[in-house]
Amino acid sequence: MTNISRRDFLKFAAAVGAGALLSPLARSLAYPLKQGADGKPNIIILLLDALSAQHLSLYGYARSTTPNLDRFAERATVYHSHYAGGNFTTPGTASMLTGLYPWRHRAMNQGGLVRRELDEDNLFSFLGDGYYRLGYTQNVWAQLLLGQFRNGLDHILPISTFSHRQSVSTGKFFSNDPVIAYYAYEDLLASGWQAQGQAPGSLSIFLFDEFYRGKFTRSKSREYPLGLPFNQFYDYKLNETFDGIRNILISLEKQEQPFLAYFHLWAPHEPSSPRRDFIGKFNGQSAEIPSRPIHPLSQNVYSGERLAEERTAYDEYIANVDSEFGRLLDWFEEAGTLDRSYLVVTSDHGQLFERGQFGHVTPLLYEGVTRIPLLISAPGQSVRQDIRVPISNTDLLPTILHWAGREIPAGLDGRLLPGQGGAEDFERPIISIEAKESYAIQPLGRATIAMVKGAWKLIHYLGYPDYPASFEMYNLF
């Protein structure tokens, strides 16, 4: 078998897009695949954005949303009480990639970065150049973090890989440096899609951006009647994204060194965009909205009927994503990839459909938005293992370093996961933080802090002008 060079791989990765999934190079990558020369395992991380554990049949949800994740679970370690470091992408992803809680890495604001002195203190840098390290995300805030950690990555795929169309001038006119373009254009001059009331830096550019957006409408088709999956910047098709991941993994497995591949996909993040055959899948199947009062800090309060509609659309979208994962799992099993690789399936945060609140841009830290899935298949694993002790997504970094035989740095908040060399500890406090309105360089001023310990969850609200500092305590079992 002819080995693929690193240069050939980079050419291939750059070419893999919506119209290049069947390029000659991709077609030439054939089985059998090979393992790294030093015998170290490959590591594949598949992160599905905004995937709440509460909505997965894997964890007992009434609707059958995840039959393929259920199938994968039979050969994996399933973690039932896995918590994100925060309730949106920036703190959730940063906590996972640094092994630190948000109050230490300080990536707490929307679109924020970790402290500059931590530029080299991340999963990719700690893993070292003994691994080929590839990163890809469809989430612009996660892309900012990958950009900050670029010295530890051998290759970062463009965020527009697999995309069909782009909606804003950042992507269209500044494609060579989308990270700088985001900060300079979207975040400053145009005060873009999540400006949270911020005034634009340039009125003329703001008006141009509004006009440009008005000329763009999400692509619709018979296959996607609600519109293609859309991350506010680009359109995607789920099947092409998952096929692209498969093709990239084929090329990576032909290299002589082991690899870590980090894939952070947008779906099932809103707006929910299921394929036609998943729309109406759960008609007649109830999934009751928790009957709880609207919280004083709930934002953009939705009616119970609207929450039910959004919840059903979300469940349909999850089922669509699960179906595509099932095709990828079929390939994994056919190719034998799981015999020589760790596969991690997880998320960065969840989604709320209660107390009048829809989504995750909220001060609230209830289970729907903080408890996320985690499934890990070790090389050759064939028996399911269930772990129910609370754990944190900061635990992934030290665990992955352990798999790779690398030294685990001192001072991390994360620990080795139970079932992966670590011990179960029901007395350990697990922390999630929401502090997007606090200054990253100052002590927490306005924040919500949640702590899970054993069967109990404590939530503390701090610094909200119209809501005095208070606590809520829940028994989770």
Protein backbone atom coordinates (compact mmCIF):
# COMPACT_ATOMS: atom_id res chain seq x y z
CA MET A 1 0.00 0.00 0.00
CA THR A 2 1.32 3.46 -0.88
CA ASN A 3 1.65 5.80 2.07
CA ILE A 4 0.09 9.24 1.81
CA SER A 5 2.51 12.04 2.59
CA ARG A 6 1.68 14.91 4.91
CA ARG A 7 1.77 17.27 1.95
CA ASP A 8 -0.70 15.06 0.06
CA PHE A 9 -2.94 15.00 3.10
CA LEU A 10 -2.94 18.77 3.43
CA LYS A 11 -3.81 19.09 -0.24
CA PHE A 12 -6.62 16.62 0.26
CA ALA A 13 -7.93 18.34 3.39
CA ALA A 14 -7.96 21.71 1.65
CA ALA A 15 -9.90 20.23 -1.25
CA VAL A 16 -12.53 18.45 0.82
CA GLY A 17 -15.62 20.58 0.47
CA ALA A 18 -19.20 20.21 -0.57
CA GLY A 19 -18.19 19.74 -4.18
CA ALA A 20 -15.00 17.75 -3.64
CA LEU A 21 -15.97 14.82 -1.46
CA LEU A 22 -15.30 12.37 -4.26
CA SER A 23 -12.04 13.84 -5.50
CA PRO A 24 -9.56 11.45 -7.17
CA LEU A 25 -7.33 11.52 -4.09
CA ALA A 26 -10.25 10.68 -1.80
CA ARG A 27 -11.25 7.78 -4.07
CA SER A 28 -7.68 6.48 -4.07
CA LEU A 29 -7.58 6.03 -0.29
CA ALA A 30 -8.46 2.37 0.08
CA TYR A 31 -8.46 -0.27 2.78
CA PRO A 32 -6.73 -1.81 4.61
CA LEU A 33 -5.85 1.03 6.97
CA LYS A 34 -2.72 1.05 9.07
CA GLN A 35 -1.89 1.91 12.65
CA GLY A 36 0.74 4.34 13.84
CA ALA A 37 4.24 2.92 13.64
CA ASP A 38 4.84 3.33 17.38
CA GLY A 39 1.69 1.42 18.28
CA LYS A 40 0.00 4.33 20.04
CA PRO A 41 -3.76 4.55 19.61
CA ASN A 42 -5.42 7.06 17.34
CA ILE A 43 -7.85 9.42 19.08
CA ILE A 44 -11.04 10.71 17.44
CA ILE A 45 -13.21 13.32 19.17
CA LEU A 46 -16.67 13.91 17.71
CA LEU A 47 -18.38 16.84 19.42
CA LEU A 48 -22.02 17.51 18.53
CA ASP A 49 -22.84 21.08 19.52
CA ALA A 50 -25.69 21.82 21.96
CA LEU A 51 -26.55 18.15 22.52
CA SER A 52 -28.37 17.73 25.83
CA ALA A 53 -28.14 14.37 27.61
CA GLN A 54 -31.75 14.83 28.68
CA HIS A 55 -32.91 14.43 25.06
CA LEU A 56 -31.16 11.17 24.25
CA SER A 57 -32.93 7.83 24.39
CA LEU A 58 -29.47 6.55 25.37
CA TYR A 59 -30.10 8.13 28.78
CA GLY A 60 -33.75 7.12 29.08
CA TYR A 61 -35.52 9.88 27.14
CA ALA A 62 -39.04 8.82 26.10
CA ARG A 63 -38.57 9.52 22.39
CA SER A 64 -36.26 7.24 20.42
CA THR A 65 -33.90 10.00 19.34
CA THR A 66 -30.60 8.09 19.31
CA PRO A 67 -30.86 4.43 18.18
CA ASN A 68 -27.36 4.58 16.70
CA LEU A 69 -25.76 6.11 19.77
CA ASP A 70 -27.61 3.39 21.69
CA ARG A 71 -25.93 0.83 19.40
CA PHE A 72 -22.52 2.42 19.85
CA ALA A 73 -23.02 2.40 23.64
CA GLU A 74 -22.99 -1.41 23.61
CA ARG A 75 -19.26 -1.30 22.87
CA ALA A 76 -18.40 1.84 24.86
CA THR A 77 -18.13 3.35 28.32
CA VAL A 78 -21.21 5.48 28.93
CA TYR A 79 -21.00 8.37 31.41
CA HIS A 80 -24.39 9.32 32.84
CA SER A 81 -23.48 12.42 34.85
CA HIS A 82 -21.07 14.34 32.63
CA TYR A 83 -21.10 18.13 33.04
CA ALA A 84 -19.97 20.99 30.82
CA GLY A 85 -17.81 23.79 32.20
CA GLY A 86 -20.39 26.35 31.02
CA ASN A 87 -23.70 26.65 29.21
CA PHE A 88 -22.50 27.88 25.82
CA THR A 89 -19.69 27.10 23.40
CA THR A 90 -16.86 29.33 24.63
CA PRO A 91 -16.55 28.15 28.28
CA GLY A 92 -17.68 24.62 27.48
CA THR A 93 -15.11 24.08 24.73
CA ALA A 94 -12.31 25.95 26.50
CA SER A 95 -12.78 23.86 29.66
CA MET A 96 -12.52 20.64 27.68
CA LEU A 97 -9.44 21.72 25.73
CA THR A 98 -7.53 23.20 28.71
CA GLY A 99 -8.61 20.93 31.58
CA LEU A 100 -9.45 24.06 33.59
CA TYR A 101 -12.67 25.61 34.87
CA PRO A 102 -13.76 28.96 33.37
CA TRP A 103 -12.67 31.04 36.37
CA ARG A 104 -9.12 29.89 35.60
CA HIS A 105 -8.95 29.86 31.79
CA ARG A 106 -11.18 33.01 31.66
CA ALA A 107 -12.83 32.22 28.30
CA MET A 108 -16.19 33.18 29.78
CA ASN A 109 -17.51 35.80 27.37
CA GLN A 110 -19.23 35.09 24.07
CA GLY A 111 -16.49 34.64 21.49
CA GLY A 112 -13.80 34.97 24.16
CA LEU A 113 -10.33 33.41 24.38
CA VAL A 114 -8.39 31.81 27.21
CA ARG A 115 -5.75 33.82 29.07
CA ARG A 116 -2.81 34.56 26.78
CA GLU A 117 -0.34 32.79 29.05
CA LEU A 118 -2.36 29.59 28.40
CA ASP A 119 -1.84 29.70 24.62
CA GLU A 120 0.38 26.61 24.83
CA ASP A 121 -1.47 24.93 27.72
CA ASN A 122 -4.04 22.94 25.80
CA LEU A 123 -4.77 19.40 24.69
CA PHE A 124 -3.03 19.74 21.34
CA SER A 125 0.20 21.23 22.66
CA PHE A 126 0.37 18.84 25.63
CA LEU A 127 -0.08 15.87 23.29
CA GLY A 128 3.00 16.96 21.35
CA ASP A 129 4.28 16.31 17.86
CA GLY A 130 4.38 12.54 18.39
CA TYR A 131 0.78 12.77 17.18
CA TYR A 132 -0.54 14.35 14.00
CA ARG A 133 -3.13 16.80 15.35
CA LEU A 134 -6.02 18.01 13.22
CA GLY A 135 -8.83 20.36 14.25
CA TYR A 136 -12.09 21.22 12.52
CA THR A 137 -15.18 23.05 13.70
CA GLN A 138 -18.34 24.53 12.22
CA ASN A 139 -18.76 26.86 15.21
CA VAL A 140 -17.06 30.25 14.84
CA TRP A 141 -16.43 30.61 18.59
CA ALA A 142 -14.76 27.21 18.71
CA GLN A 143 -12.78 28.26 15.63
CA LEU A 144 -11.44 31.23 17.59
CA LEU A 145 -10.11 28.83 20.22
CA LEU A 146 -8.55 26.55 17.61
CA GLY A 147 -6.89 29.63 16.18
CA GLN A 148 -5.50 30.52 19.59
CA PHE A 149 -4.17 26.95 19.96
CA ARG A 150 -2.83 26.77 16.39
CA ASN A 151 0.79 26.20 17.50
CA GLY A 152 -0.27 22.84 18.90
CA LEU A 153 -2.12 21.78 15.74
CA ASP A 154 -0.60 20.42 12.56
CA HIS A 155 -3.62 21.47 10.55
CA ILE A 156 -6.85 23.40 11.10
CA LEU A 157 -9.45 22.85 8.43
CA PRO A 158 -11.27 26.03 7.34
CA ILE A 159 -14.63 26.53 9.02
CA SER A 160 -16.19 26.70 5.54
CA THR A 161 -15.11 23.15 4.69
CA PHE A 162 -18.19 21.18 3.53
CA SER A 163 -20.21 24.41 3.28
CA HIS A 164 -22.60 25.28 0.46
CA ARG A 165 -23.09 29.03 0.84
CA GLN A 166 -21.92 31.78 3.11
CA SER A 167 -24.12 34.54 4.38
CA VAL A 168 -21.87 37.37 5.54
CA SER A 169 -19.03 39.36 4.11
CA THR A 170 -16.59 38.04 6.71
CA GLY A 171 -16.64 34.67 5.02
CA LYS A 172 -16.94 35.99 1.49
CA PHE A 173 -14.29 38.70 1.46
CA PHE A 174 -11.85 37.68 4.23
CA SER A 175 -11.69 33.91 3.84
CA ASN A 176 -7.90 33.76 4.35
CA ASP A 177 -8.16 34.87 7.98
CA PRO A 178 -11.68 34.30 9.31
CA VAL A 179 -10.67 34.68 12.98
CA ILE A 180 -9.26 38.20 12.65
CA ALA A 181 -12.12 39.01 10.30
CA TYR A 182 -14.65 37.94 12.92
CA TYR A 183 -13.21 40.21 15.62
CA ALA A 184 -12.58 43.16 13.33
CA TYR A 185 -15.74 42.97 11.27
CA GLU A 186 -18.51 40.98 12.95
CA ASP A 187 -17.66 41.75 16.56
CA LEU A 188 -16.52 45.37 16.19
CA LEU A 189 -17.51 47.20 13.03
CA ALA A 190 -20.80 45.51 12.17
CA SER A 191 -21.78 44.27 15.66
CA GLY A 192 -22.92 41.03 14.12
CA TRP A 193 -25.23 38.18 14.77
CA GLN A 194 -24.87 37.93 18.59
CA ALA A 195 -23.89 41.48 19.51
CA GLN A 196 -26.16 41.50 22.61
CA GLY A 197 -27.06 45.16 22.15
CA GLN A 198 -23.54 46.37 21.41
CA ALA A 199 -23.43 49.47 19.20
CA PRO A 200 -21.67 48.99 15.84
CA GLY A 201 -18.22 50.48 15.40
CA SER A 202 -19.21 51.75 11.97
CA LEU A 203 -22.73 52.80 11.05
CA SER A 204 -22.04 52.53 7.30
CA ILE A 205 -20.59 49.00 7.62
CA PHE A 206 -23.47 48.02 9.87
CA LEU A 207 -25.99 49.17 7.24
CA PHE A 208 -24.04 47.37 4.51
CA ASP A 209 -24.02 44.20 6.60
CA GLU A 210 -27.76 44.43 7.21
CA PHE A 211 -28.34 44.87 3.48
CA TYR A 212 -26.03 41.95 2.70
CA ARG A 213 -27.84 39.72 5.17
CA GLY A 214 -31.17 40.77 3.74
CA LYS A 215 -30.06 39.52 0.34
CA PHE A 216 -29.18 36.13 1.81
CA THR A 217 -31.75 33.49 2.60
CA ARG A 218 -31.02 30.01 3.85
CA SER A 219 -30.97 27.43 1.09
CA LYS A 220 -34.05 25.24 1.05
CA SER A 221 -34.62 22.08 -0.90
CA ARG A 222 -36.97 19.15 -1.08
CA GLU A 223 -34.49 17.31 1.15
CA TYR A 224 -34.34 20.17 3.71
CA PRO A 225 -37.72 21.98 3.59
CA LEU A 226 -36.89 24.06 6.69
CA GLY A 227 -33.54 25.11 5.22
CA LEU A 228 -30.10 23.53 5.20
CA PRO A 229 -28.30 23.25 8.54
CA PHE A 230 -27.00 26.76 9.16
CA ASN A 231 -24.45 28.14 11.65
CA GLN A 232 -25.32 31.82 11.02
CA PHE A 233 -22.47 32.01 8.51
CA TYR A 234 -22.59 28.92 6.28
CA ASP A 235 -25.01 26.30 4.96
CA TYR A 236 -24.15 22.61 5.31
CA LYS A 237 -25.63 19.23 4.50
CA LEU A 238 -25.29 16.68 7.28
CA ASN A 239 -24.56 13.74 5.02
CA GLU A 240 -21.76 15.61 3.24
CA THR A 241 -20.23 16.68 6.54
CA PHE A 242 -20.16 13.13 7.90
CA ASP A 243 -18.88 11.77 4.59
CA GLY A 244 -16.13 14.38 4.69
CA ILE A 245 -15.14 13.30 8.19
CA ARG A 246 -14.94 9.72 7.01
CA ASN A 247 -12.70 10.66 4.07
CA ILE A 248 -10.40 12.71 6.29
CA LEU A 249 -10.07 9.79 8.71
CA ILE A 250 -9.24 7.47 5.83
CA SER A 251 -6.37 9.72 4.85
CA LEU A 252 -5.19 10.15 8.45
CA GLU A 253 -5.08 6.42 9.03
CA LYS A 254 -2.71 6.00 6.11
CA GLN A 255 -0.03 8.09 7.83
CA GLU A 256 2.71 6.36 9.75
CA GLN A 257 2.21 8.31 12.96
CA PRO A 258 -0.82 8.18 15.25
CA PHE A 259 -3.27 11.06 15.09
CA LEU A 260 -5.74 13.06 17.12
CA ALA A 261 -8.68 14.36 15.10
CA TYR A 262 -11.02 16.89 16.73
CA PHE A 263 -14.33 17.40 14.90
CA HIS A 264 -16.68 19.99 16.44
CA LEU A 265 -19.89 19.95 14.39
CA TRP A 266 -22.66 22.53 14.52
CA ALA A 267 -25.69 20.23 14.59
CA PRO A 268 -27.95 19.83 16.51
CA HIS A 269 -27.48 23.48 17.53
CA GLU A 270 -30.41 25.70 16.60
CA PRO A 271 -31.91 26.56 14.20
CA SER A 272 -33.22 22.99 14.01
CA SER A 273 -32.91 21.79 10.43
CA PRO A 274 -33.89 18.12 10.16
CA ARG A 275 -34.07 16.37 6.82
CA ARG A 276 -37.56 15.90 5.39
CA ASP A 277 -37.89 12.26 6.47
CA PHE A 278 -37.32 13.22 10.12
CA ILE A 279 -39.93 15.99 10.24
CA GLY A 280 -42.98 14.62 12.05
CA LYS A 281 -41.06 11.56 13.27
CA PHE A 282 -42.34 12.04 16.82
CA ASN A 283 -45.91 13.06 16.04
CA GLY A 284 -48.17 11.63 18.72
CA GLN A 285 -45.24 10.88 21.03
CA SER A 286 -45.35 13.16 24.05
CA ALA A 287 -42.33 14.59 25.80
CA GLU A 288 -43.76 16.84 28.46
CA ILE A 289 -42.18 20.16 29.26
CA PRO A 290 -41.23 20.16 32.96
CA SER A 291 -43.97 21.94 34.88
CA ARG A 292 -41.83 24.52 36.63
CA PRO A 293 -42.40 28.22 37.18
CA ILE A 294 -40.76 30.81 34.96
CA HIS A 295 -37.49 31.86 36.54
CA PRO A 296 -36.92 35.57 37.31
CA LEU A 297 -33.78 35.41 35.12
CA SER A 298 -35.48 33.67 32.19
CA GLN A 299 -34.97 35.66 29.00
CA ASN A 300 -37.23 35.90 25.94
CA VAL A 301 -39.89 33.89 27.72
CA TYR A 302 -41.68 31.32 25.54
CA SER A 303 -45.15 29.85 26.06
CA GLY A 304 -45.51 26.18 26.90
CA GLU A 305 -46.91 25.52 23.43
CA ARG A 306 -43.94 27.20 21.74
CA LEU A 307 -41.48 25.33 23.95
CA ALA A 308 -43.14 22.06 22.98
CA GLU A 309 -42.79 22.91 19.28
CA GLU A 310 -39.14 23.84 19.65
CA ARG A 311 -38.46 20.73 21.70
CA THR A 312 -40.00 18.48 19.05
CA ALA A 313 -38.00 20.14 16.26
CA TYR A 314 -34.84 19.70 18.34
CA ASP A 315 -35.61 16.01 18.90
CA GLU A 316 -36.15 15.53 15.17
CA TYR A 317 -32.83 17.20 14.45
CA ILE A 318 -31.06 14.98 16.99
CA ALA A 319 -32.58 11.92 15.32
CA ASN A 320 -31.28 13.15 11.95
CA VAL A 321 -27.77 13.69 13.36
CA ASP A 322 -27.91 10.26 15.01
CA SER A 323 -28.79 8.70 11.66
CA GLU A 324 -25.68 10.23 10.06
CA PHE A 325 -23.59 9.07 13.01
CA GLY A 326 -24.99 5.60 12.36
CA ARG A 327 -23.58 5.63 8.82
CA LEU A 328 -20.20 6.72 10.20
CA LEU A 329 -20.38 3.97 12.81
CA ASP A 330 -21.07 1.42 10.09
CA TRP A 331 -17.88 2.53 8.35
CA PHE A 332 -15.90 2.44 11.61
CA GLU A 333 -16.99 -1.16 12.12
CA GLU A 334 -16.35 -2.19 8.52
CA ALA A 335 -12.89 -0.58 8.45
CA GLY A 336 -11.84 -1.82 11.89
CA THR A 337 -11.11 1.74 13.00
CA LEU A 338 -12.45 1.11 16.50
CA ASP A 339 -9.95 -1.71 16.98
CA ARG A 340 -7.05 0.76 16.99
CA SER A 341 -8.64 4.07 17.98
CA TYR A 342 -10.33 5.76 20.88
CA LEU A 343 -13.61 7.33 19.80
CA VAL A 344 -15.05 10.05 22.04
CA VAL A 345 -18.60 11.31 21.43
CA THR A 346 -19.63 14.32 23.49
CA SER A 347 -20.91 17.92 23.38
CA ASP A 348 -19.93 21.37 24.63
CA HIS A 349 -23.24 22.19 26.37
CA GLY A 350 -26.93 21.33 26.20
CA GLN A 351 -30.25 23.05 25.52
CA LEU A 352 -33.10 24.29 27.74
CA PHE A 353 -36.84 23.88 27.21
CA GLU A 354 -38.18 24.79 30.62
CA ARG A 355 -39.12 27.69 32.91
CA GLY A 356 -40.08 29.67 29.83
CA GLN A 357 -36.51 29.44 28.52
CA PHE A 358 -35.53 28.07 25.11
CA GLY A 359 -31.90 27.67 24.10
CA HIS A 360 -28.70 28.18 26.07
CA VAL A 361 -27.92 31.92 25.94
CA THR A 362 -29.23 32.27 29.47
CA PRO A 363 -28.02 32.85 33.04
CA LEU A 364 -29.63 29.52 34.02
CA LEU A 365 -27.63 26.36 34.69
CA TYR A 366 -30.24 23.65 34.96
CA GLU A 367 -29.55 20.05 33.93
CA GLY A 368 -30.83 20.43 30.38
CA VAL A 369 -28.06 22.86 29.52
CA THR A 370 -25.16 21.55 31.66
CA ARG A 371 -25.48 17.74 31.57
CA ILE A 372 -24.05 16.49 28.31
CA PRO A 373 -23.35 13.07 26.80
CA LEU A 374 -20.02 11.31 26.96
CA LEU A 375 -19.34 7.95 25.34
CA ILE A 376 -15.83 6.54 24.95
CA SER A 377 -14.91 3.44 23.01
CA ALA A 378 -11.41 2.15 23.76
CA PRO A 379 -9.49 0.24 21.05
CA GLY A 380 -11.10 -3.18 20.67
CA GLN A 381 -13.73 -2.57 23.37
CA SER A 382 -16.73 -4.86 22.92
CA VAL A 383 -18.56 -4.66 26.25
CA ARG A 384 -20.61 -1.77 27.61
CA GLN A 385 -19.63 -0.09 30.86
CA ASP A 386 -21.83 2.45 32.68
CA ILE A 387 -20.35 5.12 34.96
CA ARG A 388 -22.79 7.16 37.06
CA VAL A 389 -20.52 9.24 39.30
CA PRO A 390 -20.54 12.98 38.39
CA ILE A 391 -17.61 14.03 36.20
CA SER A 392 -16.50 17.20 34.39
CA ASN A 393 -15.55 17.85 30.79
CA THR A 394 -12.24 19.14 32.17
CA ASP A 395 -11.47 15.44 32.73
CA LEU A 396 -11.08 14.68 29.04
CA LEU A 397 -7.69 16.39 28.66
CA PRO A 398 -5.80 14.42 31.34
CA THR A 399 -7.53 11.22 30.24
CA ILE A 400 -6.45 11.65 26.61
CA LEU A 401 -2.88 12.39 27.68
CA HIS A 402 -3.00 9.17 29.74
CA TRP A 403 -4.07 7.18 26.66
CA ALA A 404 -1.18 8.65 24.69
CA GLY A 405 1.37 7.91 27.40
CA ARG A 406 2.06 11.61 27.93
CA GLU A 407 2.76 13.30 31.25
CA ILE A 408 -0.28 14.95 32.83
CA PRO A 409 0.57 18.54 33.85
CA ALA A 410 0.16 19.53 37.48
CA GLY A 411 -2.51 22.01 38.48
CA LEU A 412 -5.36 20.89 36.22
CA ASP A 413 -8.94 20.90 37.45
CA GLY A 414 -9.59 17.75 35.43
CA ARG A 415 -8.84 14.23 36.63
CA LEU A 416 -8.49 10.84 34.99
CA LEU A 417 -11.96 9.60 34.15
CA PRO A 418 -13.22 6.57 36.05
CA GLY A 419 -13.17 3.60 33.73
CA GLN A 420 -10.10 5.09 32.02
CA GLY A 421 -7.62 4.73 34.87
CA GLY A 422 -9.26 7.09 37.36
CA ALA A 423 -11.26 6.33 40.49
CA GLU A 424 -14.93 7.08 41.21
CA ASP A 425 -15.32 9.92 43.69
CA PHE A 426 -18.86 10.83 44.75
CA GLU A 427 -17.50 13.51 47.10
CA ARG A 428 -15.82 15.50 44.35
CA PRO A 429 -17.53 18.83 43.49
CA ILE A 430 -18.19 19.36 39.76
CA ILE A 431 -18.49 22.99 38.64
CA SER A 432 -20.27 24.80 35.78
CA ILE A 433 -20.15 28.58 35.36
CA GLU A 434 -22.12 31.18 33.40
CA ALA A 435 -20.37 34.57 33.48
CA LYS A 436 -20.64 36.08 30.02
CA GLU A 437 -21.47 39.49 31.54
CA SER A 438 -18.38 39.53 33.77
CA TYR A 439 -15.08 41.00 32.66
CA ALA A 440 -12.62 38.24 31.83
CA ILE A 441 -9.73 40.08 33.50
CA GLN A 442 -11.56 40.88 36.74
CA PRO A 443 -13.16 38.85 39.56
CA LEU A 444 -16.60 37.46 38.77
CA GLY A 445 -19.11 40.28 39.04
CA ARG A 446 -22.28 38.83 37.58
CA ALA A 447 -22.43 35.07 37.34
CA THR A 448 -24.29 31.84 37.95
CA ILE A 449 -22.29 29.02 39.50
CA ALA A 450 -23.54 25.43 39.74
CA MET A 451 -21.97 22.67 41.78
CA VAL A 452 -22.89 18.99 41.57
CA LYS A 453 -21.72 16.74 44.37
CA GLY A 454 -23.03 13.20 44.60
CA ALA A 455 -26.81 13.36 44.29
CA TRP A 456 -27.06 17.08 44.98
CA LYS A 457 -26.88 20.21 42.84
CA LEU A 458 -26.41 23.70 44.25
CA ILE A 459 -26.90 26.80 42.07
CA HIS A 460 -25.73 30.25 43.20
CA TYR A 461 -26.74 33.53 41.52
CA LEU A 462 -24.33 36.40 42.01
CA GLY A 463 -24.49 40.08 41.07
CA TYR A 464 -27.74 40.28 39.07
CA PRO A 465 -29.23 43.75 39.72
CA ASP A 466 -32.86 42.65 39.72
CA TYR A 467 -32.29 39.31 41.43
CA PRO A 468 -30.66 39.28 44.89
CA ALA A 469 -27.86 36.80 45.51
CA SER A 470 -29.53 33.49 46.23
CA PHE A 471 -29.13 29.72 46.19
CA GLU A 472 -31.16 26.80 44.84
CA MET A 473 -30.62 23.19 45.95
CA TYR A 474 -31.84 20.07 44.10
CA ASN A 475 -31.69 16.34 44.67
CA LEU A 476 -30.91 14.91 41.23
CA PHE A 477 -32.06 11.38 42.03
